[in-house]
Amino acid sequence: MKRHFENLADRAGRAVHHWWLLMLAGIFCVALGISVFVFPMESYMVLSILTGIIMLFVGASQLILASTSGNYIAMRGYMVIGGVLDFLLGIFLCAYPGGAAAFLPFMLGIWMMYHAFMTIAFGGDLETFRIKGFGWTIFGGVLLLILSLIILANPFSVGIATIVLMTGIGLILFGFLLCWMSVILRDVDKNIIKDY
């Protein structure tokens, strides 16, 4: 039994070893969210390119985490699908910024919704492993889900100011959630996994 637990701890350690990638992605999302508020009109013009770059980075981070995971701590299937989705949306937003700007509210709403479900699932993983902070993780995922539903309620009929406001709030919230999750993974990597 001890050998089985050591094996489990080793695999979980591989899953959380790259926690810093989520921290970087979170910092980038918060910085982009703040820039949306500082330059509201200019940001809508370049929002699709910047969001595309963020999605590419978040997607790459998720794919790296998924490739080192064995379905421990972080749910690998969700990470792979989320990483591929982020990558495809990021490429589309960077390649076609003008055309993508028209559909940006809808794409951001879907993106935030999917990541809200991923965050809630991650909180469930934390609860399963009895890791502190799962409640706040689930709560943050629910907030992100509510925000995505508000954006998706009328993505094409609301004004640019509302889109910029919701996007800025969503990016900052998502960035803080990524930073929060990376700190939890760092603590797991440092305190739990290394003990075994």
Protein backbone atom coordinates (compact mmCIF):
# COMPACT_ATOMS: atom_id res chain seq x y z
CA MET A 1 0.00 0.00 0.00
CA LYS A 2 2.85 2.36 0.84
CA ARG A 3 4.43 1.65 -2.55
CA HIS A 4 1.11 2.48 -4.27
CA PHE A 5 0.86 5.79 -2.41
CA GLU A 6 4.47 6.67 -3.29
CA ASN A 7 3.66 5.92 -6.94
CA LEU A 8 0.57 8.14 -6.72
CA ALA A 9 2.57 10.94 -5.06
CA ASP A 10 5.24 10.71 -7.77
CA ARG A 11 2.66 11.04 -10.56
CA ALA A 12 0.89 13.89 -8.76
CA GLY A 13 4.25 15.59 -8.33
CA ARG A 14 4.75 15.58 -12.09
CA ALA A 15 1.32 17.16 -12.49
CA VAL A 16 2.03 20.08 -10.16
CA HIS A 17 5.73 20.62 -10.92
CA HIS A 18 4.96 23.27 -13.56
CA TRP A 19 2.73 25.36 -11.27
CA TRP A 20 4.63 28.52 -12.26
CA LEU A 21 3.18 28.40 -15.78
CA LEU A 22 -0.28 29.08 -14.37
CA MET A 23 1.17 31.95 -12.32
CA LEU A 24 2.65 33.56 -15.45
CA ALA A 25 -0.60 33.09 -17.37
CA GLY A 26 -2.52 34.62 -14.46
CA ILE A 27 -0.22 37.65 -14.29
CA PHE A 28 -0.61 38.19 -18.05
CA CYS A 29 -4.42 37.97 -17.77
CA VAL A 30 -4.50 40.48 -14.90
CA ALA A 31 -2.19 42.85 -16.83
CA LEU A 32 -4.40 42.60 -19.92
CA GLY A 33 -7.53 43.19 -17.83
CA ILE A 34 -6.00 46.30 -16.25
CA SER A 35 -4.90 47.61 -19.66
CA VAL A 36 -8.48 47.22 -20.88
CA PHE A 37 -9.59 49.66 -18.15
CA VAL A 38 -6.70 52.07 -18.67
CA PHE A 39 -7.18 52.28 -22.46
CA PRO A 40 -10.86 51.36 -23.01
CA MET A 41 -11.41 52.54 -26.58
CA GLU A 42 -7.96 51.65 -27.85
CA SER A 43 -8.19 48.27 -26.16
CA TYR A 44 -11.25 47.20 -28.13
CA MET A 45 -9.29 47.80 -31.32
CA VAL A 46 -6.39 45.60 -30.22
CA LEU A 47 -8.30 43.41 -27.77
CA SER A 48 -8.61 40.53 -30.19
CA ILE A 49 -4.85 40.36 -30.79
CA LEU A 50 -3.95 40.71 -27.10
CA THR A 51 -6.61 38.20 -26.11
CA GLY A 52 -5.33 35.86 -28.80
CA ILE A 53 -1.81 36.09 -27.39
CA ILE A 54 -3.10 35.43 -23.85
CA MET A 55 -5.15 32.47 -25.10
CA LEU A 56 -2.10 31.04 -26.86
CA PHE A 57 -0.04 31.34 -23.67
CA VAL A 58 -2.76 29.90 -21.43
CA GLY A 59 -3.32 27.09 -23.94
CA ALA A 60 0.40 26.26 -24.04
CA SER A 61 0.52 26.26 -20.21
CA GLN A 62 -2.44 23.90 -20.01
CA LEU A 63 -1.01 21.53 -22.62
CA ILE A 64 2.33 21.40 -20.78
CA LEU A 65 0.56 20.70 -17.48
CA ALA A 66 -1.62 18.06 -19.13
CA SER A 67 1.36 16.35 -20.76
CA THR A 68 3.07 15.97 -17.39
CA SER A 69 -0.07 14.86 -15.59
CA GLY A 70 -1.53 11.42 -15.27
CA ASN A 71 -5.02 12.59 -14.28
CA TYR A 72 -3.78 13.47 -10.81
CA ILE A 73 -4.52 16.79 -9.08
CA ALA A 74 -5.38 18.47 -12.40
CA MET A 75 -7.87 16.74 -14.66
CA ARG A 76 -5.88 15.92 -17.77
CA GLY A 77 -8.81 15.61 -20.19
CA TYR A 78 -10.14 19.04 -19.30
CA MET A 79 -6.65 20.53 -19.54
CA VAL A 80 -6.04 19.05 -23.01
CA ILE A 81 -9.40 20.19 -24.37
CA GLY A 82 -9.00 23.62 -22.75
CA GLY A 83 -5.47 23.96 -24.09
CA VAL A 84 -6.48 23.03 -27.63
CA LEU A 85 -9.52 25.36 -27.46
CA ASP A 86 -7.34 28.22 -26.22
CA PHE A 87 -4.78 27.55 -28.93
CA LEU A 88 -7.37 27.51 -31.74
CA LEU A 89 -9.13 30.64 -30.48
CA GLY A 90 -5.78 32.37 -29.96
CA ILE A 91 -4.62 31.61 -33.49
CA PHE A 92 -7.95 32.78 -34.92
CA LEU A 93 -7.89 36.04 -32.94
CA CYS A 94 -4.27 36.79 -33.90
CA ALA A 95 -4.68 35.85 -37.58
CA TYR A 96 -7.98 37.68 -38.18
CA PRO A 97 -8.17 40.56 -35.67
CA GLY A 98 -10.60 42.67 -37.69
CA GLY A 99 -13.14 39.94 -38.36
CA ALA A 100 -12.66 38.40 -34.93
CA ALA A 101 -13.43 41.73 -33.21
CA ALA A 102 -17.05 41.43 -34.35
CA PHE A 103 -17.39 38.04 -32.63
CA LEU A 104 -15.10 38.86 -29.68
CA PRO A 105 -17.83 39.12 -27.01
CA PHE A 106 -19.26 35.72 -27.97
CA MET A 107 -15.83 34.05 -28.10
CA LEU A 108 -14.78 35.57 -24.77
CA GLY A 109 -18.03 34.48 -23.17
CA ILE A 110 -17.55 30.88 -24.34
CA TRP A 111 -13.88 30.97 -23.31
CA MET A 112 -14.71 32.25 -19.82
CA MET A 113 -17.53 29.72 -19.44
CA TYR A 114 -15.32 26.77 -20.31
CA HIS A 115 -12.61 27.96 -17.94
CA ALA A 116 -15.23 28.47 -15.23
CA PHE A 117 -16.18 24.80 -15.53
CA MET A 118 -12.49 23.83 -15.51
CA THR A 119 -11.93 25.88 -12.35
CA ILE A 120 -14.92 24.31 -10.62
CA ALA A 121 -13.66 20.84 -11.62
CA PHE A 122 -10.20 21.74 -10.31
CA GLY A 123 -11.79 22.75 -7.00
CA GLY A 124 -13.49 19.35 -6.93
CA ASP A 125 -10.08 17.69 -7.46
CA LEU A 126 -8.68 19.69 -4.56
CA GLU A 127 -11.58 18.60 -2.36
CA THR A 128 -10.99 14.95 -3.31
CA PHE A 129 -7.35 15.22 -2.23
CA ARG A 130 -8.41 17.21 0.88
CA ILE A 131 -6.30 20.20 -0.11
CA LYS A 132 -7.16 23.53 1.50
CA GLY A 133 -8.54 26.27 -0.72
CA PHE A 134 -10.97 24.16 -2.72
CA GLY A 135 -13.96 26.23 -1.57
CA TRP A 136 -12.46 29.50 -2.80
CA THR A 137 -11.49 27.85 -6.06
CA ILE A 138 -15.04 26.64 -6.66
CA PHE A 139 -16.42 30.04 -5.62
CA GLY A 140 -14.13 31.80 -8.11
CA GLY A 141 -15.22 29.38 -10.83
CA VAL A 142 -18.87 30.13 -10.09
CA LEU A 143 -18.19 33.89 -10.29
CA LEU A 144 -16.46 33.42 -13.64
CA LEU A 145 -19.41 31.34 -14.84
CA ILE A 146 -21.89 34.06 -13.84
CA LEU A 147 -19.79 36.68 -15.64
CA SER A 148 -19.62 34.53 -18.78
CA LEU A 149 -23.40 34.09 -18.72
CA ILE A 150 -23.85 37.87 -18.45
CA ILE A 151 -21.59 38.35 -21.49
CA LEU A 152 -23.35 35.61 -23.45
CA ALA A 153 -26.86 36.89 -22.62
CA ASN A 154 -26.64 39.55 -25.35
CA PRO A 155 -23.15 39.43 -26.84
CA PHE A 156 -23.96 41.46 -29.96
CA SER A 157 -26.56 43.92 -28.68
CA VAL A 158 -24.67 45.49 -25.80
CA GLY A 159 -22.46 48.52 -26.33
CA ILE A 160 -18.70 48.56 -26.66
CA ALA A 161 -18.33 50.10 -23.19
CA THR A 162 -20.19 47.17 -21.62
CA ILE A 163 -18.11 44.65 -23.56
CA VAL A 164 -14.88 46.35 -22.49
CA LEU A 165 -16.04 46.49 -18.86
CA MET A 166 -17.10 42.83 -18.74
CA THR A 167 -13.96 41.73 -20.56
CA GLY A 168 -11.70 43.64 -18.19
CA ILE A 169 -13.44 42.25 -15.12
CA GLY A 170 -13.41 38.73 -16.57
CA LEU A 171 -9.71 38.82 -17.45
CA ILE A 172 -8.74 40.15 -14.03
CA LEU A 173 -10.90 37.55 -12.26
CA PHE A 174 -9.55 34.74 -14.44
CA GLY A 175 -5.99 35.96 -13.87
CA PHE A 176 -6.46 35.94 -10.10
CA LEU A 177 -7.98 32.45 -10.31
CA LEU A 178 -4.97 31.19 -12.29
CA CYS A 179 -2.59 32.75 -9.74
CA TRP A 180 -4.62 31.23 -6.87
CA MET A 181 -4.55 27.79 -8.48
CA SER A 182 -0.80 28.06 -9.12
CA VAL A 183 -0.17 28.89 -5.45
CA ILE A 184 -2.20 25.86 -4.42
CA LEU A 185 -0.26 23.65 -6.83
CA ARG A 186 3.02 25.13 -5.57
CA ASP A 187 2.05 24.30 -1.98
CA VAL A 188 1.10 20.78 -3.00
CA ASP A 189 4.40 20.41 -4.84
CA LYS A 190 6.37 21.81 -1.90
CA ASN A 191 4.55 20.41 1.15
CA ILE A 192 2.69 17.24 0.23
CA ILE A 193 4.39 15.64 -2.72
CA LYS A 194 7.97 16.24 -1.56
CA ASP A 195 7.26 14.50 1.78
CA TYR A 196 6.85 11.16 0.06
